[in-house]
Amino acid sequence: MSKAEKTRQYIVEKTAPIFNTKGFAGTSLTDMTEATGLTKGSIYGNFANKDEVALACFDFNFKKVVGIINSAIEKEKTYRGKLLVYTRIYDNFLHSPFPTGGCPVLNTAVESDDTHPELRAKSAAAIGNWKDKLADILNKGIEVGEFKPGMNIEQTALTLIATIEGAIMITKATGKLNYRSAIMNAIENMINAF
C-alpha cells in the first residue's frame, strides 16, 4: 500500500465514526481535522471534497457491518440459524464491533434521501445487496426443506429488513432498548414460523 493509500485509509478510519454519527450535513471540516490530526490541505490533498470522504466512509462502515454478519452466518449450519444471526447481531449491536453510531444503512438512508443522491444510491445499493443475501438464504432454506415453499421471497426479505431497521430507528428515537428486543423477538418468531 502506497503512502497516499495509507493516508486515505487513515482519514477514512478516523472520520467514518463521525459521518456515521453526525451524518454528512453535521460533519464539519473541523471535525475531520480534529479526528485525524491532519490539516484541511492534507485531507483535501487526498480526497477531492467532503462528498468523496463521506462516500468512502459509508463504504468502510458498511463493509464492517457486512463482515460482522457474514462471519456469524458462516458459523451457522442451518438456513434458519443464518437468518436468526440478524436478530442476534442487531439486538446486541452495542456489544459487537459495529460502527460507532449504529447501522450506516439506516443512518445514511434517512439523511440522504432528499439531500445527497450519491449517498442515497450507496444506501439503496446496500439495501439491495442485503435483500439479495436474505433471498438467497430463504431460497436455499426452501430447497432443503427447512422453510415452507410458497412464500414470496422478495416480500419476506424486504419485510425482514424494514422490521430490523425500524427497530433500530424506534430504539434510537425513544432510547428504549426493550423496544428493540421486543421487535427482534417478533422477527425471531416470524423466522421460526417459515
N, C-alpha and C. Protein backbone atom coordinates (compact mmCIF):
# COMPACT_ATOMS: atom_id res chain seq x y z
N MET A 1 0.85 -1.17 0.00
CA MET A 1 0.00 0.00 0.00
C MET A 1 0.90 1.24 0.00
N SER A 2 0.63 2.16 -0.90
CA SER A 2 1.43 3.38 -1.01
C SER A 2 1.15 4.31 0.17
N LYS A 3 2.00 5.30 0.33
CA LYS A 3 1.82 6.29 1.41
C LYS A 3 0.49 7.02 1.23
N ALA A 4 0.15 7.38 0.00
CA ALA A 4 -1.12 8.07 -0.27
C ALA A 4 -2.31 7.19 0.08
N GLU A 5 -2.22 5.90 -0.25
CA GLU A 5 -3.31 4.97 0.08
C GLU A 5 -3.45 4.81 1.60
N LYS A 6 -2.32 4.75 2.29
CA LYS A 6 -2.34 4.65 3.75
C LYS A 6 -2.96 5.89 4.37
N THR A 7 -2.64 7.05 3.82
CA THR A 7 -3.20 8.30 4.35
C THR A 7 -4.70 8.35 4.11
N ARG A 8 -5.14 7.98 2.92
CA ARG A 8 -6.58 7.93 2.62
C ARG A 8 -7.29 6.98 3.59
N GLN A 9 -6.71 5.80 3.80
CA GLN A 9 -7.30 4.82 4.70
C GLN A 9 -7.37 5.37 6.12
N TYR A 10 -6.32 6.04 6.55
CA TYR A 10 -6.28 6.65 7.88
C TYR A 10 -7.40 7.69 8.02
N ILE A 11 -7.55 8.53 7.03
CA ILE A 11 -8.61 9.56 7.07
C ILE A 11 -9.98 8.89 7.17
N VAL A 12 -10.20 7.86 6.39
CA VAL A 12 -11.49 7.17 6.42
C VAL A 12 -11.73 6.53 7.78
N GLU A 13 -10.74 5.81 8.29
CA GLU A 13 -10.90 5.14 9.59
C GLU A 13 -11.21 6.13 10.71
N LYS A 14 -10.58 7.29 10.67
CA LYS A 14 -10.77 8.29 11.73
C LYS A 14 -12.07 9.07 11.58
N THR A 15 -12.53 9.28 10.34
CA THR A 15 -13.73 10.10 10.14
C THR A 15 -15.01 9.27 9.96
N ALA A 16 -14.88 7.99 9.67
CA ALA A 16 -16.08 7.14 9.48
C ALA A 16 -17.02 7.17 10.68
N PRO A 17 -16.51 7.10 11.92
CA PRO A 17 -17.43 7.18 13.05
C PRO A 17 -18.18 8.52 13.14
N ILE A 18 -17.52 9.58 12.72
CA ILE A 18 -18.14 10.91 12.77
C ILE A 18 -19.26 11.00 11.75
N PHE A 19 -18.98 10.59 10.52
CA PHE A 19 -20.02 10.63 9.49
C PHE A 19 -21.20 9.73 9.87
N ASN A 20 -20.92 8.59 10.49
CA ASN A 20 -22.00 7.67 10.85
C ASN A 20 -22.81 8.16 12.04
N THR A 21 -22.23 9.03 12.83
CA THR A 21 -22.93 9.58 13.99
C THR A 21 -23.60 10.92 13.68
N LYS A 22 -22.84 11.83 13.06
CA LYS A 22 -23.36 13.17 12.79
C LYS A 22 -24.00 13.32 11.41
N GLY A 23 -23.71 12.38 10.52
CA GLY A 23 -24.22 12.47 9.15
C GLY A 23 -23.37 13.39 8.30
N PHE A 24 -23.71 13.45 7.03
CA PHE A 24 -22.96 14.28 6.09
C PHE A 24 -23.09 15.76 6.45
N ALA A 25 -24.32 16.21 6.64
CA ALA A 25 -24.55 17.64 6.91
C ALA A 25 -23.94 18.07 8.24
N GLY A 26 -23.96 17.18 9.22
CA GLY A 26 -23.47 17.53 10.55
C GLY A 26 -21.98 17.43 10.73
N THR A 27 -21.29 16.80 9.79
CA THR A 27 -19.84 16.63 9.91
C THR A 27 -19.15 17.82 9.25
N SER A 28 -18.33 18.49 10.03
CA SER A 28 -17.62 19.67 9.52
C SER A 28 -16.18 19.33 9.19
N LEU A 29 -15.55 20.23 8.48
CA LEU A 29 -14.13 20.07 8.19
C LEU A 29 -13.33 20.08 9.49
N THR A 30 -13.76 20.88 10.45
CA THR A 30 -13.10 20.91 11.77
C THR A 30 -13.18 19.54 12.42
N ASP A 31 -14.36 18.88 12.32
CA ASP A 31 -14.48 17.51 12.86
C ASP A 31 -13.45 16.60 12.22
N MET A 32 -13.29 16.72 10.92
CA MET A 32 -12.37 15.84 10.20
C MET A 32 -10.91 16.12 10.58
N THR A 33 -10.55 17.41 10.68
CA THR A 33 -9.16 17.74 11.03
C THR A 33 -8.86 17.35 12.47
N GLU A 34 -9.83 17.54 13.37
CA GLU A 34 -9.61 17.16 14.77
C GLU A 34 -9.48 15.64 14.92
N ALA A 35 -10.29 14.89 14.19
CA ALA A 35 -10.25 13.43 14.30
C ALA A 35 -8.97 12.84 13.73
N THR A 36 -8.46 13.45 12.69
CA THR A 36 -7.28 12.90 12.01
C THR A 36 -5.97 13.53 12.47
N GLY A 37 -6.06 14.76 13.00
CA GLY A 37 -4.83 15.49 13.32
C GLY A 37 -4.15 16.04 12.08
N LEU A 38 -4.86 15.99 10.96
CA LEU A 38 -4.32 16.48 9.69
C LEU A 38 -4.89 17.85 9.37
N THR A 39 -4.24 18.54 8.47
CA THR A 39 -4.72 19.85 8.04
C THR A 39 -5.80 19.68 6.97
N LYS A 40 -6.51 20.77 6.71
CA LYS A 40 -7.51 20.79 5.64
C LYS A 40 -6.83 20.42 4.32
N GLY A 41 -5.67 20.99 4.07
CA GLY A 41 -4.94 20.72 2.83
C GLY A 41 -4.56 19.26 2.70
N SER A 42 -4.21 18.63 3.80
CA SER A 42 -3.84 17.22 3.76
C SER A 42 -5.06 16.35 3.46
N ILE A 43 -6.20 16.69 4.06
CA ILE A 43 -7.42 15.92 3.79
C ILE A 43 -7.83 16.10 2.34
N TYR A 44 -7.89 17.35 1.89
CA TYR A 44 -8.33 17.60 0.53
C TYR A 44 -7.24 17.37 -0.51
N GLY A 45 -6.03 17.08 -0.05
CA GLY A 45 -4.99 16.62 -0.96
C GLY A 45 -5.17 15.13 -1.28
N ASN A 46 -5.94 14.45 -0.43
CA ASN A 46 -6.18 13.01 -0.62
C ASN A 46 -7.59 12.70 -1.11
N PHE A 47 -8.50 13.63 -0.90
CA PHE A 47 -9.89 13.49 -1.36
C PHE A 47 -10.28 14.78 -2.06
N ALA A 48 -11.07 14.68 -3.10
CA ALA A 48 -11.46 15.86 -3.87
C ALA A 48 -12.31 16.81 -3.05
N ASN A 49 -13.15 16.26 -2.17
CA ASN A 49 -14.07 17.09 -1.38
C ASN A 49 -14.69 16.26 -0.25
N LYS A 50 -15.52 16.89 0.52
CA LYS A 50 -16.19 16.23 1.64
C LYS A 50 -17.06 15.08 1.15
N ASP A 51 -17.70 15.25 0.00
CA ASP A 51 -18.55 14.19 -0.55
C ASP A 51 -17.76 12.89 -0.74
N GLU A 52 -16.56 13.03 -1.29
CA GLU A 52 -15.73 11.85 -1.55
C GLU A 52 -15.33 11.17 -0.24
N VAL A 53 -15.05 11.95 0.79
CA VAL A 53 -14.72 11.37 2.10
C VAL A 53 -15.95 10.64 2.65
N ALA A 54 -17.11 11.26 2.56
CA ALA A 54 -18.34 10.66 3.08
C ALA A 54 -18.67 9.35 2.38
N LEU A 55 -18.50 9.31 1.06
CA LEU A 55 -18.78 8.09 0.31
C LEU A 55 -17.82 6.96 0.73
N ALA A 56 -16.55 7.30 0.90
CA ALA A 56 -15.57 6.30 1.34
C ALA A 56 -15.88 5.83 2.76
N CYS A 57 -16.35 6.74 3.60
CA CYS A 57 -16.70 6.38 4.98
C CYS A 57 -17.92 5.45 5.01
N PHE A 58 -18.90 5.71 4.15
CA PHE A 58 -20.05 4.81 4.09
C PHE A 58 -19.58 3.41 3.70
N ASP A 59 -18.75 3.32 2.67
CA ASP A 59 -18.24 2.01 2.24
C ASP A 59 -17.51 1.31 3.38
N PHE A 60 -16.70 2.05 4.11
CA PHE A 60 -15.94 1.49 5.23
C PHE A 60 -16.89 0.96 6.31
N ASN A 61 -17.87 1.78 6.70
CA ASN A 61 -18.80 1.37 7.75
C ASN A 61 -19.66 0.19 7.31
N PHE A 62 -20.13 0.22 6.07
CA PHE A 62 -20.97 -0.86 5.57
C PHE A 62 -20.17 -2.17 5.49
N LYS A 63 -18.94 -2.07 5.03
CA LYS A 63 -18.09 -3.26 4.94
C LYS A 63 -17.89 -3.88 6.33
N LYS A 64 -17.76 -3.03 7.32
CA LYS A 64 -17.59 -3.50 8.70
C LYS A 64 -18.81 -4.30 9.15
N VAL A 65 -20.01 -3.77 8.89
CA VAL A 65 -21.24 -4.45 9.27
C VAL A 65 -21.37 -5.78 8.52
N VAL A 66 -21.13 -5.75 7.22
CA VAL A 66 -21.23 -6.96 6.40
C VAL A 66 -20.25 -8.02 6.91
N GLY A 67 -19.06 -7.61 7.27
CA GLY A 67 -18.07 -8.55 7.80
C GLY A 67 -18.53 -9.21 9.08
N ILE A 68 -19.10 -8.44 9.98
CA ILE A 68 -19.61 -8.98 11.25
C ILE A 68 -20.71 -10.00 10.97
N ILE A 69 -21.65 -9.64 10.13
CA ILE A 69 -22.78 -10.51 9.83
C ILE A 69 -22.32 -11.76 9.08
N ASN A 70 -21.51 -11.59 8.05
CA ASN A 70 -21.06 -12.74 7.27
C ASN A 70 -20.26 -13.72 8.12
N SER A 71 -19.45 -13.20 9.02
CA SER A 71 -18.67 -14.07 9.90
C SER A 71 -19.58 -14.93 10.77
N ALA A 72 -20.65 -14.32 11.29
CA ALA A 72 -21.60 -15.07 12.13
C ALA A 72 -22.42 -16.04 11.29
N ILE A 73 -22.80 -15.66 10.08
CA ILE A 73 -23.58 -16.53 9.20
C ILE A 73 -22.78 -17.78 8.84
N GLU A 74 -21.50 -17.61 8.56
CA GLU A 74 -20.65 -18.74 8.18
C GLU A 74 -20.60 -19.81 9.26
N LYS A 75 -20.80 -19.43 10.51
CA LYS A 75 -20.73 -20.38 11.62
C LYS A 75 -22.01 -21.20 11.78
N GLU A 76 -23.08 -20.74 11.14
CA GLU A 76 -24.37 -21.43 11.28
C GLU A 76 -24.49 -22.58 10.29
N LYS A 77 -25.07 -23.66 10.73
CA LYS A 77 -25.22 -24.84 9.87
C LYS A 77 -26.58 -24.88 9.17
N THR A 78 -27.58 -24.22 9.73
CA THR A 78 -28.92 -24.24 9.13
C THR A 78 -29.24 -22.88 8.53
N TYR A 79 -30.16 -22.87 7.59
CA TYR A 79 -30.58 -21.61 6.98
C TYR A 79 -31.41 -20.79 7.96
N ARG A 80 -32.17 -21.45 8.80
CA ARG A 80 -32.91 -20.73 9.85
C ARG A 80 -31.91 -20.04 10.79
N GLY A 81 -30.86 -20.75 11.15
CA GLY A 81 -29.82 -20.17 12.00
C GLY A 81 -29.15 -18.98 11.34
N LYS A 82 -28.95 -19.08 10.02
CA LYS A 82 -28.34 -17.97 9.28
C LYS A 82 -29.24 -16.73 9.32
N LEU A 83 -30.55 -16.91 9.21
CA LEU A 83 -31.46 -15.77 9.30
C LEU A 83 -31.50 -15.20 10.71
N LEU A 84 -31.46 -16.09 11.70
CA LEU A 84 -31.53 -15.62 13.09
C LEU A 84 -30.29 -14.84 13.51
N VAL A 85 -29.19 -14.98 12.75
CA VAL A 85 -27.99 -14.18 13.01
C VAL A 85 -28.34 -12.70 13.03
N TYR A 86 -29.20 -12.28 12.11
CA TYR A 86 -29.55 -10.85 12.01
C TYR A 86 -30.22 -10.36 13.29
N THR A 87 -31.10 -11.17 13.86
CA THR A 87 -31.78 -10.72 15.09
C THR A 87 -30.79 -10.67 16.25
N ARG A 88 -29.90 -11.65 16.33
CA ARG A 88 -28.91 -11.65 17.41
C ARG A 88 -27.98 -10.46 17.31
N ILE A 89 -27.47 -10.22 16.11
CA ILE A 89 -26.50 -9.13 15.94
C ILE A 89 -27.16 -7.77 16.15
N TYR A 90 -28.30 -7.55 15.53
CA TYR A 90 -28.93 -6.24 15.66
C TYR A 90 -29.52 -6.01 17.05
N ASP A 91 -29.88 -7.08 17.75
CA ASP A 91 -30.37 -6.90 19.11
C ASP A 91 -29.23 -6.58 20.06
N ASN A 92 -28.03 -7.01 19.71
CA ASN A 92 -26.87 -6.82 20.59
C ASN A 92 -25.77 -6.00 19.94
N PHE A 93 -26.13 -5.15 18.95
CA PHE A 93 -25.08 -4.45 18.21
C PHE A 93 -24.25 -3.51 19.09
N LEU A 94 -24.77 -3.12 20.24
CA LEU A 94 -23.97 -2.28 21.14
C LEU A 94 -22.81 -3.06 21.74
N HIS A 95 -22.93 -4.41 21.69
CA HIS A 95 -21.89 -5.26 22.27
C HIS A 95 -21.03 -5.93 21.21
N SER A 96 -21.19 -5.54 19.97
CA SER A 96 -20.36 -6.09 18.90
C SER A 96 -19.54 -4.95 18.30
N PRO A 97 -18.57 -5.26 17.47
CA PRO A 97 -17.74 -4.19 16.90
C PRO A 97 -18.44 -3.44 15.76
N PHE A 98 -19.70 -3.11 15.97
CA PHE A 98 -20.47 -2.35 14.99
C PHE A 98 -19.86 -0.95 14.86
N PRO A 99 -20.03 -0.29 13.73
CA PRO A 99 -19.52 1.08 13.61
C PRO A 99 -20.15 2.01 14.66
N THR A 100 -19.37 2.93 15.15
CA THR A 100 -19.88 3.95 16.06
C THR A 100 -21.04 4.67 15.38
N GLY A 101 -22.13 4.82 16.08
CA GLY A 101 -23.30 5.49 15.51
C GLY A 101 -24.37 4.52 15.06
N GLY A 102 -24.05 3.21 15.03
CA GLY A 102 -25.05 2.22 14.66
C GLY A 102 -25.03 1.83 13.20
N CYS A 103 -26.20 1.51 12.69
CA CYS A 103 -26.31 0.97 11.34
C CYS A 103 -26.10 2.06 10.29
N PRO A 104 -25.04 1.96 9.49
CA PRO A 104 -24.77 3.00 8.49
C PRO A 104 -25.82 3.04 7.38
N VAL A 105 -26.47 1.92 7.12
CA VAL A 105 -27.50 1.91 6.08
C VAL A 105 -28.68 2.78 6.52
N LEU A 106 -29.16 2.57 7.73
CA LEU A 106 -30.27 3.38 8.26
C LEU A 106 -29.86 4.84 8.36
N ASN A 107 -28.72 5.09 8.97
CA ASN A 107 -28.28 6.47 9.16
C ASN A 107 -28.17 7.22 7.84
N THR A 108 -27.55 6.60 6.86
CA THR A 108 -27.33 7.25 5.58
C THR A 108 -28.62 7.38 4.79
N ALA A 109 -29.45 6.35 4.81
CA ALA A 109 -30.71 6.39 4.06
C ALA A 109 -31.61 7.51 4.55
N VAL A 110 -31.70 7.67 5.85
CA VAL A 110 -32.58 8.70 6.42
C VAL A 110 -32.07 10.09 6.08
N GLU A 111 -30.77 10.30 6.23
CA GLU A 111 -30.24 11.63 5.99
C GLU A 111 -30.20 12.00 4.51
N SER A 112 -29.88 11.04 3.66
CA SER A 112 -29.58 11.38 2.27
C SER A 112 -30.75 11.26 1.31
N ASP A 113 -31.90 10.83 1.78
CA ASP A 113 -33.00 10.55 0.84
C ASP A 113 -33.38 11.74 -0.02
N ASP A 114 -33.32 12.94 0.52
CA ASP A 114 -33.68 14.13 -0.25
C ASP A 114 -32.52 15.09 -0.45
N THR A 115 -31.35 14.75 0.08
CA THR A 115 -30.28 15.74 0.09
C THR A 115 -29.00 15.35 -0.63
N HIS A 116 -28.71 14.07 -0.75
CA HIS A 116 -27.42 13.67 -1.28
C HIS A 116 -27.59 12.43 -2.17
N PRO A 117 -27.78 12.62 -3.46
CA PRO A 117 -28.06 11.50 -4.37
C PRO A 117 -27.00 10.39 -4.37
N GLU A 118 -25.74 10.75 -4.23
CA GLU A 118 -24.70 9.71 -4.26
C GLU A 118 -24.74 8.84 -3.01
N LEU A 119 -24.94 9.47 -1.84
CA LEU A 119 -25.07 8.68 -0.62
C LEU A 119 -26.37 7.87 -0.64
N ARG A 120 -27.42 8.46 -1.17
CA ARG A 120 -28.69 7.74 -1.29
C ARG A 120 -28.51 6.50 -2.15
N ALA A 121 -27.79 6.63 -3.25
CA ALA A 121 -27.53 5.49 -4.14
C ALA A 121 -26.74 4.40 -3.42
N LYS A 122 -25.77 4.80 -2.60
CA LYS A 122 -24.98 3.82 -1.84
C LYS A 122 -25.86 3.08 -0.84
N SER A 123 -26.73 3.81 -0.14
CA SER A 123 -27.61 3.14 0.84
C SER A 123 -28.62 2.26 0.12
N ALA A 124 -29.13 2.69 -1.03
CA ALA A 124 -30.06 1.86 -1.80
C ALA A 124 -29.37 0.58 -2.28
N ALA A 125 -28.13 0.69 -2.74
CA ALA A 125 -27.39 -0.49 -3.17
C ALA A 125 -27.15 -1.44 -2.01
N ALA A 126 -26.86 -0.88 -0.83
CA ALA A 126 -26.65 -1.71 0.36
C ALA A 126 -27.92 -2.48 0.71
N ILE A 127 -29.06 -1.80 0.62
CA ILE A 127 -30.34 -2.46 0.90
C ILE A 127 -30.58 -3.56 -0.15
N GLY A 128 -30.28 -3.27 -1.40
CA GLY A 128 -30.43 -4.27 -2.45
C GLY A 128 -29.55 -5.49 -2.21
N ASN A 129 -28.32 -5.26 -1.80
CA ASN A 129 -27.41 -6.38 -1.50
C ASN A 129 -27.93 -7.20 -0.33
N TRP A 130 -28.41 -6.51 0.70
CA TRP A 130 -28.95 -7.17 1.88
C TRP A 130 -30.17 -8.02 1.49
N LYS A 131 -31.06 -7.44 0.67
CA LYS A 131 -32.25 -8.17 0.21
C LYS A 131 -31.84 -9.42 -0.56
N ASP A 132 -30.86 -9.29 -1.43
CA ASP A 132 -30.39 -10.43 -2.21
C ASP A 132 -29.80 -11.53 -1.31
N LYS A 133 -29.05 -11.12 -0.29
CA LYS A 133 -28.46 -12.09 0.65
C LYS A 133 -29.56 -12.85 1.39
N LEU A 134 -30.56 -12.12 1.88
CA LEU A 134 -31.67 -12.77 2.57
C LEU A 134 -32.45 -13.68 1.62
N ALA A 135 -32.68 -13.22 0.40
CA ALA A 135 -33.41 -14.03 -0.59
C ALA A 135 -32.66 -15.32 -0.88
N ASP A 136 -31.36 -15.25 -0.96
CA ASP A 136 -30.55 -16.44 -1.21
C ASP A 136 -30.70 -17.44 -0.05
N ILE A 137 -30.63 -16.94 1.17
CA ILE A 137 -30.80 -17.81 2.34
C ILE A 137 -32.20 -18.43 2.33
N LEU A 138 -33.21 -17.63 2.06
CA LEU A 138 -34.59 -18.14 2.04
C LEU A 138 -34.77 -19.19 0.94
N ASN A 139 -34.27 -18.91 -0.25
CA ASN A 139 -34.38 -19.87 -1.35
C ASN A 139 -33.70 -21.20 -1.02
N LYS A 140 -32.50 -21.12 -0.47
CA LYS A 140 -31.77 -22.34 -0.12
C LYS A 140 -32.47 -23.09 1.01
N GLY A 141 -33.05 -22.34 1.96
CA GLY A 141 -33.80 -22.98 3.04
C GLY A 141 -35.03 -23.71 2.52
N ILE A 142 -35.68 -23.15 1.52
CA ILE A 142 -36.83 -23.82 0.89
C ILE A 142 -36.36 -25.06 0.14
N GLU A 143 -35.27 -24.94 -0.60
CA GLU A 143 -34.74 -26.06 -1.38
C GLU A 143 -34.44 -27.28 -0.52
N VAL A 144 -33.91 -27.07 0.69
CA VAL A 144 -33.55 -28.20 1.55
C VAL A 144 -34.69 -28.59 2.50
N GLY A 145 -35.83 -27.92 2.38
CA GLY A 145 -37.00 -28.27 3.19
C GLY A 145 -37.03 -27.67 4.58
N GLU A 146 -36.15 -26.69 4.83
CA GLU A 146 -36.15 -26.03 6.14
C GLU A 146 -37.29 -25.03 6.28
N PHE A 147 -37.63 -24.38 5.16
CA PHE A 147 -38.72 -23.41 5.14
C PHE A 147 -39.83 -23.92 4.24
N LYS A 148 -41.03 -23.46 4.55
CA LYS A 148 -42.19 -23.86 3.76
C LYS A 148 -42.12 -23.24 2.36
N PRO A 149 -42.47 -24.01 1.34
CA PRO A 149 -42.49 -23.45 0.00
C PRO A 149 -43.67 -22.48 -0.17
N GLY A 150 -43.60 -21.66 -1.17
CA GLY A 150 -44.72 -20.79 -1.50
C GLY A 150 -44.62 -19.38 -0.94
N MET A 151 -43.61 -19.08 -0.14
CA MET A 151 -43.51 -17.72 0.39
C MET A 151 -43.03 -16.77 -0.72
N ASN A 152 -43.43 -15.54 -0.63
CA ASN A 152 -42.95 -14.52 -1.55
C ASN A 152 -41.57 -14.09 -1.02
N ILE A 153 -40.53 -14.56 -1.68
CA ILE A 153 -39.15 -14.38 -1.20
C ILE A 153 -38.78 -12.90 -1.08
N GLU A 154 -39.03 -12.13 -2.14
CA GLU A 154 -38.64 -10.72 -2.11
C GLU A 154 -39.41 -9.96 -1.03
N GLN A 155 -40.69 -10.21 -0.93
CA GLN A 155 -41.51 -9.54 0.10
C GLN A 155 -41.01 -9.90 1.50
N THR A 156 -40.69 -11.16 1.71
CA THR A 156 -40.21 -11.61 3.02
C THR A 156 -38.88 -10.95 3.36
N ALA A 157 -37.96 -10.94 2.39
CA ALA A 157 -36.66 -10.32 2.63
C ALA A 157 -36.80 -8.84 2.95
N LEU A 158 -37.61 -8.14 2.18
CA LEU A 158 -37.81 -6.70 2.42
C LEU A 158 -38.50 -6.45 3.76
N THR A 159 -39.41 -7.32 4.14
CA THR A 159 -40.10 -7.17 5.43
C THR A 159 -39.11 -7.35 6.58
N LEU A 160 -38.21 -8.32 6.45
CA LEU A 160 -37.19 -8.51 7.48
C LEU A 160 -36.31 -7.27 7.61
N ILE A 161 -35.86 -6.75 6.48
CA ILE A 161 -35.00 -5.56 6.51
C ILE A 161 -35.74 -4.37 7.12
N ALA A 162 -36.96 -4.14 6.66
CA ALA A 162 -37.73 -3.00 7.16
C ALA A 162 -38.00 -3.11 8.65
N THR A 163 -38.26 -4.31 9.12
CA THR A 163 -38.55 -4.50 10.54
C THR A 163 -37.29 -4.31 11.38
N ILE A 164 -36.17 -4.84 10.91
CA ILE A 164 -34.90 -4.65 11.64
C ILE A 164 -34.53 -3.17 11.69
N GLU A 165 -34.56 -2.52 10.55
CA GLU A 165 -34.19 -1.10 10.51
C GLU A 165 -35.20 -0.25 11.29
N GLY A 166 -36.46 -0.62 11.23
CA GLY A 166 -37.48 0.08 12.01
C GLY A 166 -37.24 -0.06 13.50
N ALA A 167 -36.81 -1.25 13.92
CA ALA A 167 -36.50 -1.46 15.33
C ALA A 167 -35.36 -0.56 15.79
N ILE A 168 -34.36 -0.43 14.94
CA ILE A 168 -33.23 0.43 15.29
C ILE A 168 -33.67 1.89 15.37
N MET A 169 -34.45 2.31 14.39
CA MET A 169 -34.93 3.70 14.37
C MET A 169 -35.79 4.00 15.60
N ILE A 170 -36.71 3.12 15.93
CA ILE A 170 -37.58 3.33 17.09
C ILE A 170 -36.76 3.38 18.38
N THR A 171 -35.79 2.49 18.48
CA THR A 171 -34.94 2.46 19.68
C THR A 171 -34.11 3.72 19.80
N LYS A 172 -33.54 4.17 18.68
CA LYS A 172 -32.75 5.41 18.72
C LYS A 172 -33.63 6.61 19.06
N ALA A 173 -34.84 6.65 18.51
CA ALA A 173 -35.72 7.79 18.75
C ALA A 173 -36.23 7.83 20.19
N THR A 174 -36.51 6.66 20.76
CA THR A 174 -37.10 6.62 22.10
C THR A 174 -36.08 6.39 23.20
N GLY A 175 -34.93 5.81 22.83
CA GLY A 175 -33.94 5.46 23.84
C GLY A 175 -34.31 4.22 24.65
N LYS A 176 -35.33 3.50 24.20
CA LYS A 176 -35.81 2.32 24.95
C LYS A 176 -35.29 1.04 24.29
N LEU A 177 -34.26 0.46 24.91
CA LEU A 177 -33.65 -0.75 24.37
C LEU A 177 -34.62 -1.93 24.36
N ASN A 178 -35.56 -1.93 25.31
CA ASN A 178 -36.51 -3.04 25.35
C ASN A 178 -37.40 -3.06 24.12
N TYR A 179 -37.60 -1.93 23.46
CA TYR A 179 -38.37 -1.92 22.21
C TYR A 179 -37.63 -2.71 21.13
N ARG A 180 -36.32 -2.49 21.03
CA ARG A 180 -35.54 -3.23 20.04
C ARG A 180 -35.61 -4.73 20.33
N SER A 181 -35.46 -5.10 21.60
CA SER A 181 -35.52 -6.51 21.95
C SER A 181 -36.88 -7.11 21.63
N ALA A 182 -37.94 -6.37 21.91
CA ALA A 182 -39.29 -6.88 21.63
C ALA A 182 -39.50 -7.09 20.13
N ILE A 183 -39.02 -6.15 19.33
CA ILE A 183 -39.18 -6.27 17.88
C ILE A 183 -38.31 -7.40 17.34
N MET A 184 -37.10 -7.53 17.83
CA MET A 184 -36.24 -8.63 17.39
C MET A 184 -36.85 -9.97 17.76
N ASN A 185 -37.49 -10.04 18.92
CA ASN A 185 -38.18 -11.26 19.33
C ASN A 185 -39.32 -11.58 18.35
N ALA A 186 -40.04 -10.56 17.92
CA ALA A 186 -41.11 -10.76 16.93
C ALA A 186 -40.54 -11.27 15.61
N ILE A 187 -39.38 -10.76 15.21
CA ILE A 187 -38.75 -11.23 13.97
C ILE A 187 -38.33 -12.69 14.13
N GLU A 188 -37.77 -13.04 15.28
CA GLU A 188 -37.41 -14.44 15.53
C GLU A 188 -38.63 -15.34 15.40
N ASN A 189 -39.74 -14.93 15.97
CA ASN A 189 -40.98 -15.71 15.88
C ASN A 189 -41.41 -15.86 14.42
N MET A 190 -41.28 -14.79 13.65
CA MET A 190 -41.63 -14.84 12.23
C MET A 190 -40.73 -15.84 11.50
N ILE A 191 -39.43 -15.76 11.75
CA ILE A 191 -38.48 -16.67 11.09
C ILE A 191 -38.77 -18.12 11.49
N ASN A 192 -39.05 -18.33 12.75
CA ASN A 192 -39.33 -19.70 13.22
C ASN A 192 -40.61 -20.26 12.64
N ALA A 193 -41.49 -19.39 12.15
CA ALA A 193 -42.76 -19.84 11.53
C ALA A 193 -42.60 -20.13 10.04
N PHE A 194 -41.47 -19.79 9.45
CA PHE A 194 -41.27 -20.00 7.99
C PHE A 194 -41.34 -21.48 7.67
